[in-house]
Amino acid sequence: MPSPLDYKRPCTRVRSETPEKLLVSLLPHCYVASTQVEVHGDQALLAGLDLVRRANFNPMHSLSVRFKDEQHTTIASTLCDGDTAKTYFLKLLMQQIQNSVVFEGPSGSKNLALDSQALREDLYFDIGSLLALCLVYGGPPIGFFSHALYQCLFNYPANCPLTINHMTPETHFTWEVHRIAAAESLDEVKEVMKGSWEYLELAGCNRPVTSLEERDALVEDLVSFTMITRMQLPLQ
């Protein structure tokens, strides 16, 4: 069934340029029209989301940024300079994207988090749009993706299976997989599986295990389910 959000994803022809040529071709320097962004206090992410969710948003326009304080008056400081305000906005935006609900894990090595409200609001798509906007407008580089997230998005390195070490530390699913992987005997594996039957059922992995080799295959399937299968909508 067609998604009601399809209007946000205009059909774009496949382009064979290098990443450098692609970014250069998207630069808005040759466009006269500009889009105004008002940032209240330090709420760069809210301002960015308001920007990309506008019905008339045109990413090909140049960007004009204005900061306002709590009294909704323009901040009179070095931020009054257009280029300085834009640079600061993009830096602040990247920091707040990294700490938003759609990412989880340690700083500098973030995986995608599964958030039902973010899915309903299509926040993953909007965050992706803002990351693209940061790249095109010369913001800071996207340096906080984990190796696993980069691999899930771009299949690089190609066809390299994810392991338990790629999972986000200190989450419920990671703890469950670690318990199964750490079991030292078949009886212990079965005991751990019995206590984790809901997770195994959810992953389609609630099956008999008769050897430690089958246990290892089970762990691989659970990692794949947790990192890839259940994250298909956010990744897309």
Protein backbone atom coordinates (compact mmCIF):
# COMPACT_ATOMS: atom_id res chain seq x y z
CA MET A 1 0.00 0.00 0.00
CA PRO A 2 1.31 3.49 -0.77
CA SER A 3 2.48 5.38 2.28
CA PRO A 4 0.71 8.64 3.17
CA LEU A 5 4.22 10.03 3.63
CA ASP A 6 5.25 9.33 0.03
CA TYR A 7 4.76 12.99 -0.86
CA LYS A 8 7.84 13.74 1.24
CA ARG A 9 9.98 11.49 -0.94
CA PRO A 10 9.94 12.88 -4.48
CA CYS A 11 11.25 10.50 -7.12
CA THR A 12 14.90 11.32 -7.77
CA ARG A 13 16.84 9.95 -10.69
CA VAL A 14 19.83 7.74 -9.90
CA ARG A 15 23.01 9.74 -10.25
CA SER A 16 26.39 8.20 -10.98
CA GLU A 17 28.56 11.13 -9.86
CA THR A 18 31.17 10.80 -7.15
CA PRO A 19 30.05 11.95 -3.68
CA GLU A 20 32.16 15.09 -4.10
CA LYS A 21 30.52 16.04 -7.43
CA LEU A 22 27.09 15.23 -6.03
CA LEU A 23 27.54 17.56 -3.05
CA VAL A 24 28.98 20.33 -5.22
CA SER A 25 26.01 20.07 -7.59
CA LEU A 26 23.64 20.53 -4.65
CA LEU A 27 25.31 23.67 -3.30
CA PRO A 28 22.75 26.49 -3.15
CA HIS A 29 25.24 29.28 -3.88
CA CYS A 30 23.78 30.02 -7.31
CA TYR A 31 20.21 30.42 -6.05
CA VAL A 32 18.92 33.90 -5.25
CA ALA A 33 15.98 32.80 -3.08
CA SER A 34 16.67 32.12 0.59
CA THR A 35 14.86 30.29 3.39
CA GLN A 36 14.64 31.94 6.81
CA VAL A 37 15.28 29.82 9.91
CA GLU A 38 14.50 31.27 13.34
CA VAL A 39 16.20 29.55 16.29
CA HIS A 40 14.75 30.31 19.72
CA GLY A 41 17.51 30.07 22.31
CA ASP A 42 19.58 26.99 21.51
CA GLN A 43 16.72 24.90 20.04
CA ALA A 44 18.46 24.16 16.74
CA LEU A 45 16.84 20.74 16.23
CA LEU A 46 13.32 22.11 16.70
CA ALA A 47 14.10 24.89 14.23
CA GLY A 48 15.54 22.39 11.76
CA LEU A 49 12.50 20.12 12.00
CA ASP A 50 10.20 23.09 11.51
CA LEU A 51 12.20 23.95 8.38
CA VAL A 52 12.08 20.56 6.64
CA ARG A 53 8.42 20.01 7.58
CA ARG A 54 7.22 23.19 5.89
CA ALA A 55 4.95 22.52 2.93
CA ASN A 56 6.94 25.03 0.84
CA PHE A 57 10.41 23.88 1.95
CA ASN A 58 12.86 24.00 -0.95
CA PRO A 59 16.29 22.50 -0.18
CA MET A 60 17.75 24.30 -3.21
CA HIS A 61 17.29 27.72 -1.58
CA SER A 62 20.11 29.32 0.38
CA LEU A 63 19.85 29.31 4.16
CA SER A 64 19.43 32.39 6.35
CA VAL A 65 19.62 31.85 10.12
CA ARG A 66 18.50 34.19 12.89
CA PHE A 67 18.80 33.46 16.62
CA LYS A 68 16.24 34.83 19.09
CA ASP A 69 16.26 34.86 22.88
CA GLU A 70 13.44 33.93 25.27
CA GLN A 71 11.84 37.36 24.77
CA HIS A 72 11.73 36.60 21.03
CA THR A 73 14.10 39.45 20.25
CA THR A 74 17.01 39.00 17.88
CA ILE A 75 20.22 38.15 19.74
CA ALA A 76 22.64 41.04 19.24
CA SER A 77 26.09 39.46 19.23
CA THR A 78 28.51 37.82 16.85
CA LEU A 79 25.54 35.63 15.84
CA CYS A 80 24.13 38.62 13.96
CA ASP A 81 26.63 37.89 11.21
CA GLY A 82 24.90 35.67 8.64
CA ASP A 83 27.72 33.19 8.04
CA THR A 84 28.56 32.96 11.75
CA ALA A 85 24.93 32.31 12.66
CA LYS A 86 24.61 29.60 10.00
CA THR A 87 27.85 27.90 11.05
CA TYR A 88 26.81 27.91 14.71
CA PHE A 89 23.32 26.65 13.82
CA LEU A 90 24.71 23.69 11.84
CA LYS A 91 27.15 22.80 14.63
CA LEU A 92 24.39 22.96 17.25
CA LEU A 93 22.03 21.01 14.99
CA MET A 94 24.53 18.16 14.52
CA GLN A 95 25.09 17.91 18.29
CA GLN A 96 21.36 17.77 19.02
CA ILE A 97 20.70 15.23 16.26
CA GLN A 98 23.32 12.95 17.80
CA ASN A 99 21.56 13.16 21.17
CA SER A 100 18.02 12.79 19.81
CA VAL A 101 15.69 9.84 20.47
CA VAL A 102 16.44 8.19 17.13
CA PHE A 103 20.00 7.31 18.21
CA GLU A 104 21.34 5.27 21.10
CA GLY A 105 24.73 4.15 22.38
CA PRO A 106 27.98 5.78 23.47
CA SER A 107 29.06 9.16 22.16
CA GLY A 108 30.80 8.90 18.81
CA SER A 109 29.46 5.40 18.13
CA LYS A 110 25.68 5.65 17.80
CA ASN A 111 23.27 3.03 16.51
CA LEU A 112 19.70 3.74 15.48
CA ALA A 113 17.17 3.35 18.27
CA LEU A 114 13.66 2.02 17.64
CA ASP A 115 11.12 4.59 18.80
CA SER A 116 7.44 4.13 17.95
CA GLN A 117 6.57 7.82 18.25
CA ALA A 118 9.49 8.73 15.99
CA LEU A 119 8.15 6.25 13.43
CA ARG A 120 4.65 7.72 13.61
CA GLU A 121 6.00 11.23 13.14
CA ASP A 122 8.42 10.11 10.38
CA LEU A 123 11.22 11.60 12.46
CA TYR A 124 13.83 9.25 10.98
CA PHE A 125 13.24 10.69 7.51
CA ASP A 126 13.35 14.26 8.82
CA ILE A 127 16.59 13.62 10.73
CA GLY A 128 18.07 12.13 7.56
CA SER A 129 17.02 15.26 5.66
CA LEU A 130 18.71 17.46 8.27
CA LEU A 131 21.92 15.43 8.10
CA ALA A 132 21.90 15.90 4.32
CA LEU A 133 21.28 19.63 4.79
CA CYS A 134 24.27 19.83 7.16
CA LEU A 135 26.50 18.16 4.57
CA VAL A 136 25.39 20.38 1.69
CA TYR A 137 25.69 23.63 3.68
CA GLY A 138 29.17 22.85 4.96
CA GLY A 139 28.30 21.87 8.53
CA PRO A 140 30.47 19.61 10.69
CA PRO A 141 31.04 16.07 9.38
CA ILE A 142 28.80 13.23 10.52
CA GLY A 143 31.28 11.52 12.81
CA PHE A 144 29.05 9.78 15.33
CA PHE A 145 27.73 6.75 13.38
CA SER A 146 28.85 3.39 14.75
CA HIS A 147 30.57 0.98 12.36
CA ALA A 148 27.42 -1.16 12.50
CA LEU A 149 25.10 1.70 11.53
CA TYR A 150 27.37 2.74 8.67
CA GLN A 151 27.46 -0.86 7.46
CA CYS A 152 23.68 -1.24 7.71
CA LEU A 153 23.14 1.94 5.68
CA PHE A 154 25.77 1.48 2.99
CA ASN A 155 26.75 -2.23 3.10
CA TYR A 156 30.38 -1.25 3.61
CA PRO A 157 32.40 -3.30 4.14
CA ALA A 158 30.27 -5.42 1.83
CA ASN A 159 28.53 -8.55 3.12
CA CYS A 160 30.36 -8.48 6.45
CA PRO A 161 28.17 -10.09 9.15
CA LEU A 162 27.47 -8.12 12.30
CA THR A 163 28.53 -9.58 15.63
CA ILE A 164 27.39 -9.24 19.21
CA ASN A 165 30.08 -6.57 19.69
CA HIS A 166 28.21 -4.32 17.24
CA MET A 167 25.10 -4.24 19.43
CA THR A 168 24.37 -1.19 21.55
CA PRO A 169 25.84 -1.72 25.04
CA GLU A 170 23.60 -1.96 28.09
CA THR A 171 20.28 -2.54 26.33
CA HIS A 172 17.79 -5.30 27.13
CA PHE A 173 18.29 -7.12 23.82
CA THR A 174 22.09 -6.94 24.07
CA TRP A 175 21.95 -8.37 27.58
CA GLU A 176 19.73 -11.25 26.40
CA VAL A 177 22.07 -12.15 23.52
CA HIS A 178 25.14 -11.93 25.77
CA ARG A 179 23.56 -14.37 28.23
CA ILE A 180 22.96 -16.92 25.48
CA ALA A 181 26.44 -16.42 23.98
CA ALA A 182 28.12 -16.77 27.39
CA ALA A 183 26.42 -20.06 28.30
CA GLU A 184 29.13 -22.71 28.72
CA SER A 185 27.04 -25.88 28.40
CA LEU A 186 24.03 -27.04 26.43
CA ASP A 187 21.96 -27.28 29.61
CA GLU A 188 22.85 -23.70 30.49
CA VAL A 189 21.93 -22.59 26.95
CA LYS A 190 18.51 -24.22 27.26
CA GLU A 191 17.96 -22.66 30.69
CA VAL A 192 18.81 -19.18 29.41
CA MET A 193 16.61 -19.69 26.36
CA LYS A 194 13.72 -20.69 28.57
CA GLY A 195 13.98 -17.37 30.41
CA SER A 196 14.24 -15.44 27.14
CA TRP A 197 11.41 -17.15 25.25
CA GLU A 198 9.52 -13.90 24.56
CA TYR A 199 12.54 -12.34 22.82
CA LEU A 200 13.22 -15.57 20.91
CA GLU A 201 9.57 -15.75 19.84
CA LEU A 202 9.64 -12.14 18.67
CA ALA A 203 12.79 -12.79 16.64
CA GLY A 204 11.43 -16.03 15.13
CA CYS A 205 14.27 -17.92 16.82
CA ASN A 206 12.43 -19.99 19.44
CA ARG A 207 13.77 -23.31 18.14
CA PRO A 208 15.44 -26.37 19.67
CA VAL A 209 19.20 -26.07 20.13
CA THR A 210 21.08 -29.38 20.37
CA SER A 211 24.72 -28.24 20.25
CA LEU A 212 26.91 -25.25 21.01
CA GLU A 213 27.40 -24.81 17.26
CA GLU A 214 23.65 -24.34 16.90
CA ARG A 215 23.85 -21.90 19.81
CA ASP A 216 26.39 -19.83 17.84
CA ALA A 217 24.07 -19.80 14.82
CA LEU A 218 21.23 -18.69 17.10
CA VAL A 219 23.34 -15.80 18.40
CA GLU A 220 24.09 -14.70 14.81
CA ASP A 221 20.37 -14.76 13.97
CA LEU A 222 19.50 -12.74 17.08
CA VAL A 223 22.13 -10.11 16.25
CA SER A 224 20.80 -9.87 12.69
CA PHE A 225 17.22 -9.56 13.91
CA THR A 226 18.04 -6.89 16.51
CA MET A 227 20.33 -4.78 14.34
CA ILE A 228 18.77 -5.20 10.88
CA THR A 229 15.35 -6.87 10.67
CA ARG A 230 13.55 -4.92 13.41
CA MET A 231 15.23 -1.70 12.25
CA GLN A 232 14.15 -1.84 8.58
CA LEU A 233 11.72 1.10 8.75
CA PRO A 234 14.14 3.43 10.56
CA LEU A 235 16.99 2.43 8.21
CA GLN A 236 14.86 3.08 5.14
